[in-house]
Amino acid sequence: MTTPSSAASSSAAPLTSSSVAGVFVPDSKLAAEATELVRDITDDLIYHHSRRVYWFGSLQGRARGLSFDAELLYIGAMFHDLGLGAHFHDSGRRFEVDGADEASRFLRSRGVPEDAVRRVWTAIALHTTPGIPEFMEPEVALVTAGVEYDVLGVGYDSVSASDRAQITALHPRPDFKRRILKAFTDGIAPKPETTFGNVKADVLEHFVPGFTRGDFVQVIQDSGWEE
């Protein structure tokens, strides 16, 4: 695994980009294979979003003074939305878990240690569960931080306008708000039950006519318990 410093000091050219905003993509076979896989099976929207998540997550890590494994952060960022794909529409599971499982299979097939696999799985599985990842390992925290920055604009001014411009020049985000909401809708509408208790219920409530979100209180009141 690579640290931010070792990734930045490599004498070889980074994969598919030079340094942007002082952040390198790890120069490793694992990162190259992840890039190729995600580029092949996702569209431009998810590919560019996933790459931005890596850059913004890295910048958040730098600002917070965190020491993190750049390679694991990169894999987590690249795989985090894979579960939205049509291949998983009938899985019956949350899309975050589908993406996390795909990342785990990818890493295990390449002999990556189980602790690293666990961190990546957790980073992806929890990336839409605010209030928890920030207290976990840096790679877990920073996948969520990158997602929250790119999708929600959380801490928008914590990244300089210059750094934002460099990153979005490399990985543009035209009409991103509308397009990412459509991607979320398309990815989870076939399995609406997986949105119970999580933020994606908001998406279906906005964009799927007739959707009724699960009600936690009603579930308790209607359970089989007498009292």
Protein backbone atom coordinates (compact mmCIF):
# COMPACT_ATOMS: atom_id res chain seq x y z
CA MET A 1 0.00 0.00 0.00
CA THR A 2 1.15 3.55 -0.62
CA THR A 3 1.12 6.58 1.62
CA PRO A 4 0.46 10.10 0.33
CA SER A 5 4.15 10.92 0.55
CA SER A 6 5.34 7.78 -1.23
CA ALA A 7 2.79 8.26 -4.00
CA ALA A 8 3.89 11.83 -4.52
CA SER A 9 7.61 11.05 -4.52
CA SER A 10 7.50 8.27 -7.11
CA SER A 11 9.77 9.00 -10.06
CA ALA A 12 7.37 7.30 -12.48
CA ALA A 13 4.58 9.28 -14.12
CA PRO A 14 1.24 8.92 -12.31
CA LEU A 15 -1.59 7.10 -14.01
CA THR A 16 -3.83 9.08 -16.39
CA SER A 17 -2.90 12.43 -14.88
CA SER A 18 -0.06 14.52 -13.57
CA SER A 19 -0.17 16.06 -10.13
CA VAL A 20 -3.31 18.11 -9.67
CA ALA A 21 -3.71 20.41 -6.67
CA GLY A 22 -0.63 18.71 -5.18
CA VAL A 23 -2.28 15.26 -5.22
CA PHE A 24 -1.10 12.27 -7.25
CA VAL A 25 -2.97 9.14 -8.23
CA PRO A 26 -0.92 6.26 -6.74
CA ASP A 27 1.51 4.92 -9.32
CA SER A 28 0.78 1.22 -8.84
CA LYS A 29 -0.53 -1.75 -10.78
CA LEU A 30 -3.46 -2.03 -8.38
CA ALA A 31 -4.54 1.57 -8.98
CA ALA A 32 -4.09 1.18 -12.74
CA GLU A 33 -6.28 -1.92 -12.81
CA ALA A 34 -8.94 -0.21 -10.69
CA THR A 35 -8.93 2.78 -13.03
CA GLU A 36 -9.26 0.55 -16.10
CA LEU A 37 -12.07 -1.52 -14.56
CA VAL A 38 -14.15 1.45 -13.46
CA ARG A 39 -13.54 3.29 -16.74
CA ASP A 40 -14.74 0.25 -18.68
CA ILE A 41 -17.95 -0.49 -16.74
CA THR A 42 -19.21 2.97 -15.77
CA ASP A 43 -20.16 6.05 -17.73
CA ASP A 44 -18.39 9.40 -17.75
CA LEU A 45 -20.58 10.72 -14.93
CA ILE A 46 -19.56 8.06 -12.40
CA TYR A 47 -15.96 7.84 -13.59
CA HIS A 48 -15.27 11.57 -13.28
CA HIS A 49 -17.21 11.82 -10.01
CA SER A 50 -15.23 8.93 -8.52
CA ARG A 51 -11.93 10.47 -9.49
CA ARG A 52 -12.95 13.82 -8.01
CA VAL A 53 -13.90 12.06 -4.78
CA TYR A 54 -10.30 10.82 -4.55
CA TRP A 55 -8.86 14.30 -5.07
CA PHE A 56 -11.25 16.06 -2.74
CA GLY A 57 -10.89 13.33 -0.12
CA SER A 58 -7.10 13.65 -0.33
CA LEU A 59 -7.26 17.41 0.10
CA GLN A 60 -9.56 17.01 3.10
CA GLY A 61 -7.09 14.54 4.58
CA ARG A 62 -4.24 16.96 4.07
CA ALA A 63 -6.22 19.79 5.66
CA ARG A 64 -7.06 17.59 8.66
CA GLY A 65 -3.48 16.42 9.09
CA LEU A 66 -4.43 12.77 8.56
CA SER A 67 -1.97 10.08 7.54
CA PHE A 68 -3.74 7.79 5.09
CA ASP A 69 -3.02 5.11 2.53
CA ALA A 70 -3.49 6.84 -0.82
CA GLU A 71 -3.92 3.57 -2.67
CA LEU A 72 -6.76 2.39 -0.41
CA LEU A 73 -8.43 5.79 -0.57
CA TYR A 74 -8.20 5.65 -4.36
CA ILE A 75 -9.76 2.17 -4.56
CA GLY A 76 -12.55 3.23 -2.18
CA ALA A 77 -13.26 6.35 -4.21
CA MET A 78 -13.23 4.52 -7.55
CA PHE A 79 -15.57 1.72 -6.44
CA HIS A 80 -17.90 3.71 -4.18
CA ASP A 81 -20.75 4.12 -6.73
CA LEU A 82 -20.24 0.91 -8.69
CA GLY A 83 -23.32 -0.57 -7.02
CA LEU A 84 -25.57 1.87 -8.90
CA GLY A 85 -24.99 -0.08 -12.12
CA ALA A 86 -27.75 -2.05 -13.84
CA HIS A 87 -25.98 -5.31 -12.97
CA PHE A 88 -26.99 -4.76 -9.32
CA HIS A 89 -30.58 -3.57 -9.77
CA ASP A 90 -32.01 -6.91 -8.66
CA SER A 91 -29.53 -7.60 -5.86
CA GLY A 92 -31.99 -6.69 -3.09
CA ARG A 93 -29.15 -5.01 -1.21
CA ARG A 94 -28.13 -1.42 -0.65
CA PHE A 95 -26.06 -0.17 -3.58
CA GLU A 96 -23.30 0.79 -1.14
CA VAL A 97 -22.93 -2.85 -0.07
CA ASP A 98 -22.89 -4.03 -3.69
CA GLY A 99 -20.06 -1.62 -4.46
CA ALA A 100 -18.19 -2.57 -1.29
CA ASP A 101 -18.43 -6.27 -2.14
CA GLU A 102 -17.14 -5.66 -5.67
CA ALA A 103 -14.16 -3.77 -4.26
CA SER A 104 -13.49 -6.61 -1.82
CA ARG A 105 -13.51 -9.19 -4.62
CA PHE A 106 -11.19 -7.01 -6.68
CA LEU A 107 -8.71 -6.61 -3.82
CA ARG A 108 -8.78 -10.24 -2.62
CA SER A 109 -8.20 -11.52 -6.15
CA ARG A 110 -4.96 -9.53 -6.13
CA GLY A 111 -3.75 -10.74 -2.75
CA VAL A 112 -4.37 -7.54 -0.79
CA PRO A 113 -4.27 -8.11 3.01
CA GLU A 114 -7.59 -8.53 4.79
CA ASP A 115 -7.20 -5.44 6.97
CA ALA A 116 -6.89 -3.31 3.85
CA VAL A 117 -9.88 -5.07 2.27
CA ARG A 118 -11.91 -4.39 5.41
CA ARG A 119 -11.07 -0.69 5.40
CA VAL A 120 -12.06 -0.28 1.75
CA TRP A 121 -15.27 -2.26 2.25
CA THR A 122 -16.21 -0.13 5.24
CA ALA A 123 -15.36 3.12 3.45
CA ILE A 124 -17.70 2.28 0.58
CA ALA A 125 -20.48 0.73 2.65
CA LEU A 126 -20.70 3.76 4.97
CA HIS A 127 -20.19 6.59 2.47
CA THR A 128 -23.86 7.66 2.65
CA THR A 129 -24.12 7.27 6.44
CA PRO A 130 -23.10 10.65 7.88
CA GLY A 131 -21.90 11.03 11.43
CA ILE A 132 -20.00 7.71 11.65
CA PRO A 133 -17.16 7.50 9.08
CA GLU A 134 -15.45 10.64 10.37
CA PHE A 135 -14.60 8.76 13.59
CA MET A 136 -13.12 5.72 11.82
CA GLU A 137 -9.88 5.00 9.97
CA PRO A 138 -8.68 7.85 7.74
CA GLU A 139 -9.46 6.00 4.51
CA VAL A 140 -13.03 5.43 5.70
CA ALA A 141 -13.43 9.03 6.80
CA LEU A 142 -11.96 10.47 3.62
CA VAL A 143 -14.04 8.54 1.09
CA THR A 144 -17.09 10.02 2.81
CA ALA A 145 -15.46 13.45 2.99
CA GLY A 146 -14.73 13.36 -0.73
CA VAL A 147 -18.28 12.28 -1.55
CA GLU A 148 -19.79 14.92 0.72
CA TYR A 149 -17.64 17.59 -0.88
CA ASP A 150 -18.37 16.65 -4.48
CA VAL A 151 -22.08 15.85 -4.09
CA LEU A 152 -23.26 18.00 -1.19
CA GLY A 153 -20.71 20.79 -1.16
CA VAL A 154 -19.94 20.16 2.53
CA GLY A 155 -17.03 22.41 3.50
CA TYR A 156 -17.02 23.95 0.02
CA ASP A 157 -14.69 26.82 0.94
CA SER A 158 -12.18 24.49 2.59
CA VAL A 159 -10.75 23.78 -0.88
CA SER A 160 -9.29 26.76 -2.69
CA ALA A 161 -10.89 28.02 -5.89
CA SER A 162 -7.64 27.28 -7.68
CA ASP A 163 -7.56 23.64 -6.53
CA ARG A 164 -11.24 23.20 -7.41
CA ALA A 165 -10.61 24.63 -10.87
CA GLN A 166 -7.68 22.28 -11.51
CA ILE A 167 -9.62 19.21 -10.42
CA THR A 168 -12.76 20.03 -12.35
CA ALA A 169 -10.72 20.87 -15.45
CA LEU A 170 -9.32 17.34 -15.33
CA HIS A 171 -12.64 15.76 -14.36
CA PRO A 172 -15.49 18.05 -15.43
CA ARG A 173 -18.94 18.07 -13.86
CA PRO A 174 -21.37 19.42 -16.48
CA ASP A 175 -25.00 19.42 -15.27
CA PHE A 176 -23.75 17.29 -12.37
CA LYS A 177 -26.51 17.92 -9.84
CA ARG A 178 -29.27 16.77 -12.17
CA ARG A 179 -27.26 13.87 -13.63
CA ILE A 180 -26.09 12.42 -10.30
CA LEU A 181 -29.62 12.56 -8.90
CA LYS A 182 -30.83 10.67 -11.97
CA ALA A 183 -28.08 8.10 -11.49
CA PHE A 184 -29.12 7.64 -7.86
CA THR A 185 -32.75 7.28 -8.89
CA ASP A 186 -32.02 4.78 -11.65
CA GLY A 187 -29.76 2.76 -9.35
CA ILE A 188 -32.09 2.43 -6.39
CA ALA A 189 -35.64 2.71 -7.76
CA PRO A 190 -35.65 -1.03 -8.65
CA LYS A 191 -35.07 -1.87 -4.96
CA PRO A 192 -36.81 0.88 -2.98
CA GLU A 193 -36.89 -1.20 0.21
CA THR A 194 -33.12 -0.66 0.55
CA THR A 195 -33.65 3.04 1.25
CA PHE A 196 -35.29 2.45 4.63
CA GLY A 197 -33.53 4.59 7.21
CA ASN A 198 -31.03 6.18 4.85
CA VAL A 199 -30.63 9.34 2.79
CA LYS A 200 -31.52 7.71 -0.53
CA ALA A 201 -35.18 7.64 0.51
CA ASP A 202 -35.09 11.40 -0.13
CA VAL A 203 -34.12 10.73 -3.75
CA LEU A 204 -37.01 8.38 -4.42
CA GLU A 205 -39.46 10.66 -2.62
CA HIS A 206 -38.50 13.47 -5.02
CA PHE A 207 -38.28 11.53 -8.27
CA VAL A 208 -40.40 8.35 -8.11
CA PRO A 209 -44.16 8.97 -8.17
CA GLY A 210 -46.03 6.94 -5.60
CA PHE A 211 -42.97 6.08 -3.52
CA THR A 212 -43.71 5.91 0.19
CA ARG A 213 -40.71 5.99 2.48
CA GLY A 214 -40.44 3.54 5.34
CA ASP A 215 -41.52 4.91 8.69
CA PHE A 216 -39.38 3.77 11.62
CA VAL A 217 -42.02 4.68 14.19
CA GLN A 218 -44.71 2.81 12.26
CA VAL A 219 -42.50 -0.28 12.03
CA ILE A 220 -42.16 -0.29 15.83
CA GLN A 221 -45.86 0.25 16.42
CA ASP A 222 -46.89 -2.44 13.93
CA SER A 223 -44.42 -5.09 15.12
CA GLY A 224 -45.58 -8.41 16.54
CA TRP A 225 -44.83 -7.36 20.12
CA GLU A 226 -47.89 -6.67 22.28
CA GLU A 227 -46.10 -3.96 24.24
